[in-house]
Amino acid sequence: MALRFKRVLVTGGAGYVGSALVPRLLEKGYEVSVLDLYIYGEDVFDSVRSNPNLYETKGDIRDGDMVAKAIEGCDAVIHLACISNDPSFELNPTLGRSINFDAFRPLVHAAKKVGVKRFIYASSSSVYGIKEEPNVTEDLPLLPLTDYSKYKAMCEEVLAEEKAPGFTTCIIRPSTVCGYAKRLRLDLTVNILTNLAINNGVITVFGGDQKRPNIHVDDMVDVYLMLLEIDGSKIDGKTFNAGYENFTIAEIANMVQRTVKGMTGKTVDIVTTPTDDNRSYHVSSDKISRELGYTARRSIEDAVRGLVEAFQAGKIPNSLTDERYYNIKMMQRITLE
């Protein structure tokens, strides 16, 4: 099948999702331009760096010259770059705003200037805040509770304002991503619990009744591939949740416990302690299934299995202490202005 686009810019392409997405784009035959600071390591694309269709720009999304260099020749953009998660953002709110919001409209303008035809924006399911509704759908009002989620929501507004004929826009609100990728994060629920189960033999659950929506990193990659391949009229100006399963943290801990024991024979204890964080939400992904025919295929157990296999293969060294697996620890160590 002929590709709809020739060259795709992936901002933040050396991050968690990007490290899984970029090789898949190359495999499909796209030319891929990556713009990233590579603060979590420059070895992330070692396996594909010899591919002549990979173009890497080590630079800051706030630097107009770097953006212009990276976006040259691109006809599609997948915008992943951001200071990710609340704790990392709160370390330096001014920095967070400058990367997550202030740089956004200039990026959109740069995309339009070079003739980009499709712009896909990775927002977050956190923009909903806490809802009483049993199913959180895309048409519910946004009530972001933190600066991180507030600026994600504000970028959605900017993209709506910038919508124009021939410039197809789409917003994705992902659930919490899980599973193994080359640039691994071990500060996300499923991945945290699996790391502790494997290396400590004890999982600590804070509360446990809170529901958390999750999506496997490879399913998230499939979403972005689909959004490039699908007819633009089906997604233009639209917003879609992207998730799979909504389980309580206690249920996730039990899945991790069972899967780790089944694969390694290791007994894992679960310790439950009280918490003040009672955020609980059930994100609906019915719209993306109904309108685009997309349904995530990989379970939480699949994510845990992939992580366990990576641990067994020695792909995740020093997982409890190495800062590169933990956004907040790395942000604390480096100095971004």
Protein backbone atom coordinates (compact mmCIF):
# COMPACT_ATOMS: atom_id res chain seq x y z
CA MET A 1 0.00 0.00 0.00
CA ALA A 2 1.35 3.42 -0.96
CA LEU A 3 2.12 5.65 2.00
CA ARG A 4 -0.03 8.76 2.42
CA PHE A 5 2.97 10.73 3.69
CA LYS A 6 6.66 10.73 2.86
CA ARG A 7 8.43 12.15 5.90
CA VAL A 8 7.11 12.31 9.47
CA LEU A 9 8.49 14.57 12.19
CA VAL A 10 8.29 12.93 15.61
CA THR A 11 9.00 15.48 18.32
CA GLY A 12 10.20 13.81 21.51
CA GLY A 13 10.94 10.80 19.33
CA ALA A 14 13.66 9.49 21.66
CA GLY A 15 11.20 9.25 24.57
CA TYR A 16 9.27 6.24 25.85
CA VAL A 17 6.61 5.97 23.14
CA GLY A 18 8.82 7.50 20.46
CA SER A 19 11.51 4.87 20.98
CA ALA A 20 8.96 2.22 19.98
CA LEU A 21 7.25 4.34 17.29
CA VAL A 22 10.25 5.50 15.26
CA PRO A 23 11.55 2.00 14.35
CA ARG A 24 8.02 0.96 13.34
CA LEU A 25 7.65 4.02 11.09
CA LEU A 26 10.97 3.20 9.42
CA GLU A 27 9.87 -0.42 9.01
CA LYS A 28 6.73 0.82 7.21
CA GLY A 29 8.88 2.79 4.77
CA TYR A 30 8.45 6.33 6.10
CA GLU A 31 11.27 8.81 6.26
CA VAL A 32 11.43 9.86 9.92
CA SER A 33 12.77 13.08 11.38
CA VAL A 34 13.33 13.03 15.16
CA LEU A 35 13.66 16.20 17.23
CA ASP A 36 14.70 15.46 20.80
CA LEU A 37 17.15 16.53 23.49
CA TYR A 38 18.15 12.87 24.07
CA ILE A 39 18.45 13.47 27.80
CA TYR A 40 17.70 9.80 28.52
CA GLY A 41 20.47 8.50 26.30
CA GLU A 42 21.66 8.69 22.71
CA ASP A 43 21.77 4.91 22.21
CA VAL A 44 18.01 4.62 21.81
CA PHE A 45 18.19 4.28 18.00
CA ASP A 46 21.41 2.28 17.75
CA SER A 47 19.56 -0.57 16.04
CA VAL A 48 18.15 1.67 13.27
CA ARG A 49 20.74 4.46 13.04
CA SER A 50 22.17 3.01 9.83
CA ASN A 51 18.77 3.43 8.13
CA PRO A 52 19.13 6.22 5.53
CA ASN A 53 15.52 7.27 6.16
CA LEU A 54 16.25 8.31 9.77
CA TYR A 55 17.06 11.99 10.31
CA GLU A 56 18.00 13.02 13.85
CA THR A 57 18.16 16.53 15.25
CA LYS A 58 19.41 16.89 18.81
CA GLY A 59 17.72 20.05 19.90
CA ASP A 60 15.10 21.88 21.90
CA ILE A 61 11.48 22.20 20.77
CA ARG A 62 11.68 25.85 21.89
CA ASP A 63 14.51 26.64 19.48
CA GLY A 64 12.97 27.91 16.24
CA ASP A 65 16.07 27.14 14.19
CA MET A 66 16.16 23.55 15.44
CA VAL A 67 12.46 23.13 14.69
CA ALA A 68 12.95 24.54 11.19
CA LYS A 69 15.84 22.12 10.57
CA ALA A 70 13.93 19.09 11.84
CA ILE A 71 10.65 19.87 10.06
CA GLU A 72 12.16 20.59 6.65
CA GLY A 73 10.76 18.20 4.07
CA CYS A 74 8.11 16.80 6.43
CA ASP A 75 4.47 16.42 5.44
CA ALA A 76 3.20 15.00 8.75
CA VAL A 77 3.92 15.66 12.44
CA ILE A 78 3.39 13.50 15.53
CA HIS A 79 3.98 15.80 18.49
CA LEU A 80 5.04 13.83 21.57
CA ALA A 81 7.61 16.20 23.10
CA CYS A 82 6.80 17.52 26.57
CA ILE A 83 7.88 17.60 30.17
CA SER A 84 5.97 14.48 31.05
CA ASN A 85 3.96 13.87 34.22
CA ASP A 86 3.01 16.14 37.12
CA PRO A 87 6.07 15.68 39.40
CA SER A 88 8.55 16.46 36.61
CA PHE A 89 6.51 19.48 35.56
CA GLU A 90 6.25 20.81 39.12
CA LEU A 91 10.05 20.77 39.54
CA ASN A 92 10.15 23.86 37.35
CA PRO A 93 6.71 25.12 36.28
CA THR A 94 8.20 27.92 34.17
CA LEU A 95 10.29 25.42 32.21
CA GLY A 96 7.29 23.11 31.91
CA ARG A 97 5.09 25.86 30.50
CA SER A 98 7.76 26.98 28.02
CA ILE A 99 8.14 23.46 26.58
CA ASN A 100 4.60 22.12 26.93
CA PHE A 101 2.66 25.24 25.93
CA ASP A 102 4.67 28.26 24.77
CA ALA A 103 6.50 26.23 22.10
CA PHE A 104 3.29 24.69 20.75
CA ARG A 105 1.82 27.38 18.52
CA PRO A 106 5.23 28.21 16.96
CA LEU A 107 5.58 24.49 16.14
CA VAL A 108 2.14 24.45 14.50
CA HIS A 109 3.05 27.58 12.49
CA ALA A 110 6.35 25.98 11.42
CA ALA A 111 4.41 22.91 10.29
CA LYS A 112 2.03 25.01 8.20
CA LYS A 113 4.91 26.99 6.71
CA VAL A 114 6.58 23.90 5.23
CA GLY A 115 3.31 22.41 3.98
CA VAL A 116 2.63 19.74 6.62
CA LYS A 117 -0.70 18.12 5.78
CA ARG A 118 -1.39 16.23 9.02
CA PHE A 119 -0.65 17.18 12.63
CA ILE A 120 -1.27 14.63 15.40
CA TYR A 121 -1.05 15.88 18.97
CA ALA A 122 -0.50 13.65 22.00
CA SER A 123 -2.54 15.22 24.80
CA SER A 124 -3.41 13.25 27.96
CA SER A 125 -6.39 11.61 29.63
CA SER A 126 -5.46 13.69 32.70
CA VAL A 127 -7.19 16.71 31.09
CA TYR A 128 -10.54 15.35 32.34
CA GLY A 129 -9.63 15.72 36.01
CA ILE A 130 -11.72 13.59 38.37
CA LYS A 131 -15.13 12.62 37.02
CA GLU A 132 -18.17 11.16 38.76
CA GLU A 133 -19.32 9.59 35.48
CA PRO A 134 -18.61 5.84 35.29
CA ASN A 135 -17.34 6.27 31.71
CA VAL A 136 -15.18 9.25 30.75
CA THR A 137 -15.92 10.09 27.11
CA GLU A 138 -14.44 12.73 24.81
CA ASP A 139 -17.47 15.03 25.03
CA LEU A 140 -17.21 15.60 28.79
CA PRO A 141 -15.89 19.00 29.92
CA LEU A 142 -12.20 19.27 30.70
CA LEU A 143 -11.32 20.02 34.31
CA PRO A 144 -7.53 19.74 34.52
CA LEU A 145 -6.28 19.69 38.11
CA THR A 146 -2.58 20.40 37.57
CA ASP A 147 -0.47 22.73 35.45
CA TYR A 148 0.71 19.74 33.41
CA SER A 149 -2.84 18.78 32.42
CA LYS A 150 -3.94 22.43 32.11
CA TYR A 151 -1.33 23.16 29.43
CA LYS A 152 -2.17 19.91 27.64
CA ALA A 153 -5.78 21.15 27.45
CA MET A 154 -4.70 24.63 26.34
CA CYS A 155 -2.67 23.14 23.48
CA GLU A 156 -5.83 21.35 22.35
CA GLU A 157 -7.52 24.77 22.14
CA VAL A 158 -4.61 26.18 20.13
CA LEU A 159 -4.77 23.31 17.66
CA ALA A 160 -8.50 23.86 17.21
CA GLU A 161 -7.83 27.54 16.47
CA GLU A 162 -5.15 26.64 13.92
CA LYS A 163 -7.29 24.17 11.99
CA ALA A 164 -7.33 25.05 8.29
CA PRO A 165 -8.19 23.50 4.92
CA GLY A 166 -5.46 21.07 3.90
CA PHE A 167 -4.07 20.97 7.45
CA THR A 168 -5.66 17.94 9.09
CA THR A 169 -5.46 17.94 12.88
CA CYS A 170 -6.17 15.20 15.40
CA ILE A 171 -5.87 15.03 19.18
CA ILE A 172 -5.20 11.80 21.04
CA ARG A 173 -5.71 11.51 24.79
CA PRO A 174 -3.70 8.42 25.78
CA SER A 175 -4.23 6.41 28.93
CA THR A 176 -1.18 5.54 31.04
CA VAL A 177 1.27 3.69 28.84
CA CYS A 178 2.83 0.41 29.97
CA GLY A 179 5.16 -2.28 28.68
CA TYR A 180 8.73 -2.52 27.45
CA ALA A 181 10.31 -0.04 25.05
CA LYS A 182 13.93 0.83 24.33
CA ARG A 183 13.72 4.10 26.30
CA LEU A 184 11.93 2.60 29.25
CA ARG A 185 10.03 4.44 31.95
CA LEU A 186 9.75 2.71 35.32
CA ASP A 187 7.70 5.49 36.93
CA LEU A 188 4.32 4.40 35.51
CA THR A 189 1.90 2.14 37.38
CA VAL A 190 2.24 -1.25 35.63
CA ASN A 191 5.96 -0.79 35.04
CA ILE A 192 6.61 0.31 38.65
CA LEU A 193 4.83 -2.71 40.09
CA THR A 194 6.58 -5.15 37.73
CA ASN A 195 10.01 -3.71 38.56
CA LEU A 196 9.33 -4.03 42.30
CA ALA A 197 7.96 -7.55 41.92
CA ILE A 198 11.01 -8.75 40.00
CA ASN A 199 13.69 -6.99 42.03
CA ASN A 200 12.22 -6.64 45.54
CA GLY A 201 9.71 -9.46 45.70
CA VAL A 202 7.30 -7.00 47.32
CA ILE A 203 4.70 -4.70 45.72
CA THR A 204 3.45 -1.78 47.78
CA VAL A 205 -0.06 -0.66 46.84
CA PHE A 206 -1.23 2.76 48.01
CA GLY A 207 -4.97 2.51 48.47
CA GLY A 208 -5.87 0.04 45.75
CA ASP A 209 -9.47 0.82 44.84
CA GLN A 210 -8.56 3.63 42.44
CA LYS A 211 -9.14 2.76 38.79
CA ARG A 212 -6.38 3.50 36.31
CA PRO A 213 -6.76 3.26 32.51
CA ASN A 214 -3.76 1.74 30.72
CA ILE A 215 -2.59 1.09 27.18
CA HIS A 216 0.32 -1.06 25.99
CA VAL A 217 3.12 0.94 24.37
CA ASP A 218 2.87 -1.16 21.20
CA ASP A 219 -0.87 -0.44 20.99
CA MET A 220 -0.09 3.27 21.34
CA VAL A 221 2.30 2.92 18.41
CA ASP A 222 -0.46 1.22 16.41
CA VAL A 223 -2.73 4.21 17.11
CA TYR A 224 -0.22 6.67 15.63
CA LEU A 225 0.41 4.46 12.59
CA MET A 226 -3.35 4.25 11.99
CA LEU A 227 -3.73 8.03 12.29
CA LEU A 228 -1.16 8.48 9.53
CA GLU A 229 -2.73 5.88 7.27
CA ILE A 230 -6.43 6.70 7.66
CA ASP A 231 -8.39 9.06 5.43
CA GLY A 232 -8.05 12.57 6.85
CA SER A 233 -11.78 13.26 6.72
CA LYS A 234 -12.34 10.67 9.46
CA ILE A 235 -10.08 12.40 11.99
CA ASP A 236 -9.87 16.08 11.03
CA GLY A 237 -10.51 18.31 14.03
CA LYS A 238 -11.47 15.32 16.17
CA THR A 239 -10.35 14.08 19.56
CA PHE A 240 -10.05 10.44 20.60
CA ASN A 241 -9.28 8.67 23.87
CA ALA A 242 -6.77 5.86 23.45
CA GLY A 243 -6.86 3.18 26.12
CA TYR A 244 -7.64 -0.43 26.65
CA GLU A 245 -8.36 -1.71 30.11
CA ASN A 246 -9.51 0.10 33.24
CA PHE A 247 -8.54 -1.83 36.36
CA THR A 248 -8.04 -0.88 39.97
CA ILE A 249 -4.47 -0.61 41.22
CA ALA A 250 -5.15 -3.64 43.44
CA GLU A 251 -6.25 -5.66 40.41
CA ILE A 252 -3.14 -4.58 38.49
CA ALA A 253 -0.95 -5.62 41.44
CA ASN A 254 -2.59 -9.07 41.46
CA MET A 255 -2.00 -9.45 37.71
CA VAL A 256 1.66 -8.55 38.16
CA GLN A 257 1.97 -10.96 41.10
CA ARG A 258 0.44 -13.86 39.11
CA THR A 259 2.36 -13.18 35.91
CA VAL A 260 5.75 -12.81 37.62
CA LYS A 261 5.20 -16.00 39.62
CA GLY A 262 4.07 -17.87 36.52
CA MET A 263 7.15 -16.81 34.53
CA THR A 264 9.84 -16.92 37.22
CA GLY A 265 8.45 -19.04 40.06
CA LYS A 266 9.15 -16.08 42.34
CA THR A 267 6.74 -15.42 45.22
CA VAL A 268 5.69 -11.77 45.30
CA ASP A 269 4.06 -10.22 48.37
CA ILE A 270 1.56 -7.38 48.12
CA VAL A 271 1.51 -4.80 50.92
CA THR A 272 -1.40 -2.36 50.99
CA THR A 273 -1.15 1.00 52.74
CA PRO A 274 -3.60 3.93 53.00
CA THR A 275 -3.32 6.91 50.67
CA ASP A 276 -4.68 10.41 50.27
CA ASP A 277 -4.59 10.01 46.48
CA ASN A 278 -8.02 8.63 45.68
CA ARG A 279 -8.12 9.74 42.03
CA SER A 280 -10.07 7.14 40.12
CA TYR A 281 -11.29 7.25 36.55
CA HIS A 282 -12.62 4.97 33.86
CA VAL A 283 -11.70 6.25 30.42
CA SER A 284 -13.88 5.10 27.51
CA SER A 285 -12.23 4.20 24.21
CA ASP A 286 -15.52 3.42 22.48
CA LYS A 287 -15.28 6.39 20.08
CA ILE A 288 -11.97 5.38 18.48
CA SER A 289 -13.34 1.86 18.07
CA ARG A 290 -16.68 2.99 16.69
CA GLU A 291 -15.45 5.68 14.31
CA LEU A 292 -12.00 4.42 13.28
CA GLY A 293 -12.33 0.68 13.86
CA TYR A 294 -9.41 0.64 16.28
CA THR A 295 -9.32 -1.56 19.37
CA ALA A 296 -6.23 -2.11 21.48
CA ARG A 297 -5.11 -5.74 21.41
CA ARG A 298 -2.52 -6.13 24.17
CA SER A 299 -3.42 -6.68 27.81
CA ILE A 300 -1.77 -5.57 31.03
CA GLU A 301 -0.52 -9.14 31.41
CA ASP A 302 1.11 -8.81 27.97
CA ALA A 303 2.89 -5.68 29.19
CA VAL A 304 4.09 -7.44 32.34
CA ARG A 305 5.28 -10.46 30.33
CA GLY A 306 7.26 -8.22 27.99
CA LEU A 307 8.89 -6.46 30.93
CA VAL A 308 9.76 -9.74 32.67
CA GLU A 309 11.34 -11.05 29.45
CA ALA A 310 13.38 -7.83 29.15
CA PHE A 311 14.56 -8.18 32.77
CA GLN A 312 15.50 -11.82 32.14
CA ALA A 313 17.42 -10.84 29.01
CA GLY A 314 19.43 -8.23 30.91
CA LYS A 315 17.92 -5.32 28.97
CA ILE A 316 17.02 -3.29 32.09
CA PRO A 317 20.19 -3.02 34.21
CA ASN A 318 20.16 -1.19 37.56
CA SER A 319 16.42 -0.72 37.31
CA LEU A 320 15.91 0.45 40.90
CA THR A 321 18.65 3.09 40.85
CA ASP A 322 19.42 4.28 37.30
CA GLU A 323 18.01 7.78 36.82
CA ARG A 324 17.30 7.29 33.12
CA TYR A 325 14.23 5.17 33.95
CA TYR A 326 12.68 7.86 36.12
CA ASN A 327 11.69 11.20 34.59
CA ILE A 328 11.67 13.10 37.89
CA LYS A 329 15.11 11.84 38.95
CA MET A 330 16.65 12.73 35.60
CA MET A 331 15.00 16.16 35.58
CA GLN A 332 16.39 16.77 39.07
CA ARG A 333 19.90 15.89 37.93
CA ILE A 334 20.12 17.86 34.69
CA THR A 335 19.65 21.60 34.39
CA LEU A 336 17.30 22.71 31.65
CA GLU A 337 16.68 26.43 31.40
